[in-house]
Amino acid sequence: MPLMQADIRNHYEKYWSDAAAQGSITYSNQVEDAVAYPVYEQLIADLRLEVDQGRILDVGCGSGRWLRFLLEHHQPKYFLGIDVARSSIDLLQQYHSRNDRGVEVEFRQADITDPHLHLDGQFDLINVGNVLFHIPEQNLFAQALKNLASLLAPEGRMVSTEYLPRSTMRTEWMLVRSRFEFEQALQTAGLRLVEVRASCFFANDPMGIDGHDQGTRLNFNQVRSTMQSILRSNLEEQTRTFMVNFFAMIDRALLAFCSERIAQIDLPSQKLAVIERLEKHQ
């Protein structure tokens, strides 16, 4: 039976609680980060996103994957990480001080689907990492977008990890809305999609590929599962580093080749979707 938002929240509550109990903090897939981080960095430069000396909100901060990226490459004035799971906040507070790399950093438990959500002020950049497609209920999804629109500064941008296939797809964990459904929901909330950058062919679920789980989707998933099996095996550190770099090289080569020939939104990978307030262009 497909999971609803409360089920997913309960899963991550236990997941981050177990990580905190073990004294470990696992950010994400190393191959995915090696591909996605440079794409995000280029996106920031091309669109001149206000990151340095700006106010940043990280929605679904988890174990700090995007916190690490943003603070290693930039110097925002203020960074607020929120997550629906209390255990995520507890975990991050173990590893990050309120003044991390000279940046004012704060973490709070918060639910973007809450109609009474209140955070102090607006933000120049709102980073939404693997969150929106984990909100299958349409009323909660609409409320989340409404909240995010109110939190976005007039000249600010939101960057959300999305897939944007041509057809809406429901899995056990996700409701991956089609690009058309997603853009309509944005417009209703007073937002618009302005840029899409693809990343990670094999290091992430191939949800950008339409259709059933056989054929092309099956081929992509076979490659992905094989990569995961290799990296989960008992490798020497030098070998592991080599394999991570090699797999990232494959992803980057495919991304570069396809990006010259296919629109970013049509690539099978996950994408960084850049969103701004609709009123900015009215």
Protein backbone atom coordinates (compact mmCIF):
# COMPACT_ATOMS: atom_id res chain seq x y z
CA MET A 1 0.00 0.00 0.00
CA PRO A 2 1.44 3.42 -0.94
CA LEU A 3 2.75 5.44 1.98
CA MET A 4 1.22 8.75 3.00
CA GLN A 5 3.05 11.75 4.45
CA ALA A 6 2.59 10.62 8.07
CA ASP A 7 4.06 7.19 7.25
CA ILE A 8 7.10 8.77 5.62
CA ARG A 9 7.55 11.14 8.56
CA ASN A 10 7.46 8.21 11.01
CA HIS A 11 10.04 6.34 8.93
CA TYR A 12 12.51 9.23 8.99
CA GLU A 13 11.84 9.92 12.65
CA LYS A 14 13.17 6.44 13.42
CA TYR A 15 15.89 6.60 10.75
CA TRP A 16 17.53 9.75 12.10
CA SER A 17 16.96 8.61 15.69
CA ASP A 18 18.91 5.41 15.00
CA ALA A 19 21.69 7.46 13.37
CA ALA A 20 21.90 9.71 16.43
CA ALA A 21 22.00 6.70 18.77
CA GLN A 22 24.87 5.22 16.75
CA GLY A 23 26.72 8.52 16.76
CA SER A 24 26.85 8.57 12.98
CA ILE A 25 25.83 11.10 10.36
CA THR A 26 25.43 9.91 6.79
CA TYR A 27 24.77 12.68 4.34
CA SER A 28 23.83 10.97 1.09
CA ASN A 29 25.08 8.95 -1.85
CA GLN A 30 28.68 9.98 -2.56
CA VAL A 31 28.28 9.48 -6.30
CA GLU A 32 25.11 11.55 -6.37
CA ASP A 33 26.81 14.38 -4.47
CA ALA A 34 29.85 14.29 -6.76
CA VAL A 35 27.53 14.87 -9.73
CA ALA A 36 24.87 17.13 -8.21
CA TYR A 37 27.08 19.54 -6.26
CA PRO A 38 28.87 20.98 -9.34
CA VAL A 39 25.52 21.25 -11.18
CA TYR A 40 24.09 23.23 -8.25
CA GLU A 41 27.19 25.41 -8.04
CA GLN A 42 26.97 26.24 -11.76
CA LEU A 43 23.28 26.99 -11.33
CA ILE A 44 24.02 29.44 -8.51
CA ALA A 45 26.61 31.20 -10.68
CA ASP A 46 24.51 31.31 -13.87
CA LEU A 47 21.37 32.66 -12.18
CA ARG A 48 23.28 34.74 -9.64
CA LEU A 49 21.32 33.26 -6.78
CA GLU A 50 21.68 35.27 -3.59
CA VAL A 51 23.56 32.78 -1.44
CA ASP A 52 26.55 34.70 -0.11
CA GLN A 53 25.35 37.07 2.62
CA GLY A 54 21.79 35.90 2.00
CA ARG A 55 19.21 34.19 4.21
CA ILE A 56 18.90 30.49 3.39
CA LEU A 57 16.13 28.08 4.37
CA ASP A 58 16.86 24.36 3.95
CA VAL A 59 13.60 22.38 3.93
CA GLY A 60 13.97 18.70 4.80
CA CYS A 61 17.48 19.23 6.16
CA GLY A 62 17.79 15.53 7.12
CA SER A 63 21.39 14.88 8.12
CA GLY A 64 22.73 18.06 6.53
CA ARG A 65 23.50 17.08 2.95
CA TRP A 66 22.76 20.53 1.51
CA LEU A 67 23.99 22.32 4.61
CA ARG A 68 27.40 20.81 3.94
CA PHE A 69 27.36 21.86 0.29
CA LEU A 70 26.18 25.42 0.90
CA LEU A 71 28.50 26.15 3.83
CA GLU A 72 31.56 24.62 2.16
CA HIS A 73 31.12 26.78 -0.94
CA HIS A 74 29.40 29.92 0.32
CA GLN A 75 29.10 32.34 3.20
CA PRO A 76 25.41 33.08 3.83
CA LYS A 77 24.36 35.51 6.53
CA TYR A 78 21.89 33.08 8.09
CA PHE A 79 21.08 29.40 7.56
CA LEU A 80 17.91 27.81 8.94
CA GLY A 81 17.41 24.06 8.55
CA ILE A 82 13.95 22.62 9.17
CA ASP A 83 12.72 19.06 9.12
CA VAL A 84 9.44 17.38 10.00
CA ALA A 85 11.37 14.78 12.04
CA ARG A 86 12.51 15.88 15.49
CA SER A 87 15.29 13.28 15.37
CA SER A 88 16.83 15.02 12.34
CA ILE A 89 17.09 18.26 14.31
CA ASP A 90 18.59 16.44 17.31
CA LEU A 91 21.14 14.75 15.05
CA LEU A 92 22.23 17.97 13.36
CA GLN A 93 22.55 19.81 16.64
CA GLN A 94 25.08 17.19 17.74
CA TYR A 95 27.38 18.02 14.84
CA HIS A 96 26.85 21.69 14.05
CA SER A 97 27.23 24.70 16.29
CA ARG A 98 25.10 27.83 16.07
CA ASN A 99 28.09 29.51 14.47
CA ASP A 100 29.26 27.07 11.82
CA ARG A 101 32.14 28.34 9.63
CA GLY A 102 31.29 31.87 10.71
CA VAL A 103 27.65 31.52 9.62
CA GLU A 104 24.68 31.84 11.99
CA VAL A 105 23.10 28.38 11.83
CA GLU A 106 19.83 27.27 13.39
CA PHE A 107 17.73 24.10 13.23
CA ARG A 108 14.03 23.74 14.01
CA GLN A 109 11.41 21.05 13.74
CA ALA A 110 8.75 22.34 11.34
CA ASP A 111 6.22 20.96 8.88
CA ILE A 112 5.74 22.92 5.65
CA THR A 113 2.23 21.42 5.28
CA ASP A 114 1.12 23.07 8.53
CA PRO A 115 -1.34 25.93 7.77
CA HIS A 116 -0.07 27.66 10.93
CA LEU A 117 3.61 27.42 10.00
CA HIS A 118 5.54 30.49 11.10
CA LEU A 119 9.22 31.14 10.52
CA ASP A 120 10.92 34.46 11.13
CA GLY A 121 11.21 36.59 8.00
CA GLN A 122 11.64 35.65 4.35
CA PHE A 123 14.52 33.92 2.59
CA ASP A 124 16.69 34.70 -0.42
CA LEU A 125 17.18 31.00 -1.19
CA ILE A 126 14.88 28.17 -0.16
CA ASN A 127 16.43 24.76 -0.76
CA VAL A 128 13.89 21.90 -0.86
CA GLY A 129 15.68 18.56 -1.01
CA ASN A 130 13.61 15.44 -1.82
CA VAL A 131 10.54 16.72 0.02
CA LEU A 132 7.65 17.70 -2.24
CA PHE A 133 7.19 14.32 -3.91
CA HIS A 134 6.97 12.79 -0.42
CA ILE A 135 3.73 14.73 0.15
CA PRO A 136 1.15 12.68 -1.78
CA GLU A 137 -1.97 14.27 -0.27
CA GLN A 138 -3.04 17.04 -2.65
CA ASN A 139 -4.34 19.38 0.05
CA LEU A 140 -1.09 19.10 2.03
CA PHE A 141 0.99 19.57 -1.12
CA ALA A 142 -0.96 22.73 -2.00
CA GLN A 143 -0.50 24.05 1.55
CA ALA A 144 3.24 23.35 1.39
CA LEU A 145 3.60 25.39 -1.81
CA LYS A 146 1.50 28.20 -0.32
CA ASN A 147 3.76 28.29 2.76
CA LEU A 148 6.92 28.25 0.66
CA ALA A 149 5.62 31.11 -1.50
CA SER A 150 5.04 33.22 1.60
CA LEU A 151 8.55 32.49 2.89
CA LEU A 152 10.29 33.41 -0.37
CA ALA A 153 11.68 36.94 -0.56
CA PRO A 154 10.38 39.02 -3.52
CA GLU A 155 13.64 38.59 -5.44
CA GLY A 156 14.43 35.19 -3.95
CA ARG A 157 14.56 31.78 -5.61
CA MET A 158 13.58 28.30 -4.49
CA VAL A 159 15.53 25.25 -5.68
CA SER A 160 13.71 21.93 -5.36
CA THR A 161 14.88 18.45 -6.35
CA GLU A 162 12.25 17.10 -8.73
CA TYR A 163 11.87 14.60 -11.59
CA LEU A 164 9.19 16.30 -13.75
CA PRO A 165 8.17 13.36 -15.97
CA ARG A 166 5.49 13.78 -18.63
CA SER A 167 3.07 11.58 -16.66
CA THR A 168 2.36 11.54 -12.94
CA MET A 169 3.78 8.41 -11.27
CA ARG A 170 2.86 6.86 -7.91
CA THR A 171 5.31 4.58 -6.11
CA GLU A 172 5.27 3.20 -2.58
CA TRP A 173 7.24 6.21 -1.32
CA MET A 174 6.50 8.99 -3.78
CA LEU A 175 3.87 10.78 -5.80
CA VAL A 176 5.99 12.14 -8.64
CA ARG A 177 3.80 14.76 -10.27
CA SER A 178 4.08 15.40 -13.97
CA ARG A 179 5.72 18.61 -15.09
CA PHE A 180 2.28 19.91 -16.14
CA GLU A 181 0.61 19.10 -12.82
CA PHE A 182 3.60 20.49 -10.93
CA GLU A 183 3.63 23.77 -12.86
CA GLN A 184 -0.12 24.21 -12.41
CA ALA A 185 0.23 23.71 -8.65
CA LEU A 186 3.04 26.28 -8.59
CA GLN A 187 0.91 28.81 -10.44
CA THR A 188 -1.97 28.31 -8.02
CA ALA A 189 0.44 29.07 -5.15
CA GLY A 190 1.75 32.20 -6.88
CA LEU A 191 4.98 30.62 -8.11
CA ARG A 192 6.55 29.75 -11.46
CA LEU A 193 9.23 27.39 -12.75
CA VAL A 194 12.07 29.34 -14.35
CA GLU A 195 14.96 26.90 -14.83
CA VAL A 196 15.68 23.16 -14.79
CA ARG A 197 19.09 21.51 -14.48
CA ALA A 198 19.45 17.75 -14.73
CA SER A 199 21.81 15.60 -12.66
CA CYS A 200 22.47 12.00 -11.62
CA PHE A 201 21.40 9.46 -14.23
CA PHE A 202 22.26 6.36 -12.22
CA ALA A 203 22.96 7.62 -8.70
CA ASN A 204 19.27 8.36 -8.13
CA ASP A 205 15.91 6.75 -8.95
CA PRO A 206 15.19 7.01 -12.70
CA MET A 207 11.78 8.57 -12.01
CA GLY A 208 12.23 10.99 -14.88
CA ILE A 209 11.56 8.05 -17.22
CA ASP A 210 7.87 7.59 -17.97
CA GLY A 211 6.19 4.22 -18.11
CA HIS A 212 6.21 0.90 -16.29
CA ASP A 213 9.13 -0.66 -14.43
CA GLN A 214 10.20 -2.83 -17.36
CA GLY A 215 12.12 -1.78 -20.46
CA THR A 216 14.11 1.41 -20.11
CA ARG A 217 13.27 1.95 -16.45
CA LEU A 218 14.36 -1.62 -15.71
CA ASN A 219 17.69 -1.08 -17.48
CA PHE A 220 18.39 2.10 -15.51
CA ASN A 221 17.44 0.44 -12.23
CA GLN A 222 19.70 -2.53 -12.95
CA VAL A 223 22.67 -0.22 -13.42
CA ARG A 224 21.77 1.72 -10.28
CA SER A 225 21.35 -1.39 -8.10
CA THR A 226 24.65 -2.82 -9.34
CA MET A 227 26.44 0.42 -8.46
CA GLN A 228 24.87 0.39 -5.00
CA SER A 229 25.84 -3.25 -4.43
CA ILE A 230 29.47 -2.53 -5.32
CA LEU A 231 29.67 0.50 -3.04
CA ARG A 232 27.99 -1.38 -0.15
CA SER A 233 30.50 -4.22 -0.39
CA ASN A 234 33.58 -4.48 1.81
CA LEU A 235 35.97 -2.41 -0.31
CA GLU A 236 39.32 -1.02 0.70
CA GLU A 237 39.11 2.77 1.05
CA GLN A 238 41.31 3.42 -1.96
CA THR A 239 39.17 1.11 -4.11
CA ARG A 240 35.96 2.71 -2.82
CA THR A 241 37.25 6.18 -3.69
CA PHE A 242 38.19 4.97 -7.17
CA MET A 243 34.73 3.45 -7.73
CA VAL A 244 32.90 6.56 -6.50
CA ASN A 245 34.95 8.73 -8.87
CA PHE A 246 34.48 6.28 -11.74
CA PHE A 247 30.70 6.07 -11.33
CA ALA A 248 30.47 9.87 -11.04
CA MET A 249 32.55 10.17 -14.22
CA ILE A 250 30.05 7.96 -16.09
CA ASP A 251 27.12 10.07 -14.88
CA ARG A 252 28.85 13.33 -15.79
CA ALA A 253 29.81 12.06 -19.27
CA LEU A 254 26.22 11.00 -20.02
CA LEU A 255 24.87 14.25 -18.63
CA ALA A 256 27.22 16.34 -20.79
CA PHE A 257 26.48 14.36 -23.96
CA CYS A 258 22.69 14.37 -23.53
CA SER A 259 22.54 18.00 -22.43
CA GLU A 260 23.86 19.05 -25.85
CA ARG A 261 21.01 17.22 -27.61
CA ILE A 262 18.02 17.00 -25.27
CA ALA A 263 16.16 19.59 -23.21
CA GLN A 264 17.10 19.37 -19.53
CA ILE A 265 13.50 18.74 -18.52
CA ASP A 266 13.35 15.67 -20.80
CA LEU A 267 16.43 13.95 -19.36
CA PRO A 268 15.68 10.83 -17.27
CA SER A 269 17.55 12.07 -14.23
CA GLN A 270 16.50 13.96 -11.15
CA LYS A 271 16.55 17.73 -11.68
CA LEU A 272 17.17 20.92 -9.78
CA ALA A 273 14.03 22.97 -10.39
CA VAL A 274 14.41 26.73 -9.87
CA ILE A 275 11.23 28.51 -8.80
CA GLU A 276 10.40 32.16 -8.21
CA ARG A 277 7.41 34.25 -7.23
CA LEU A 278 4.91 34.72 -10.05
CA GLU A 279 4.32 38.37 -9.17
CA LYS A 280 7.91 39.12 -10.14
CA HIS A 281 6.89 38.87 -13.82
CA GLN A 282 3.46 40.46 -13.63
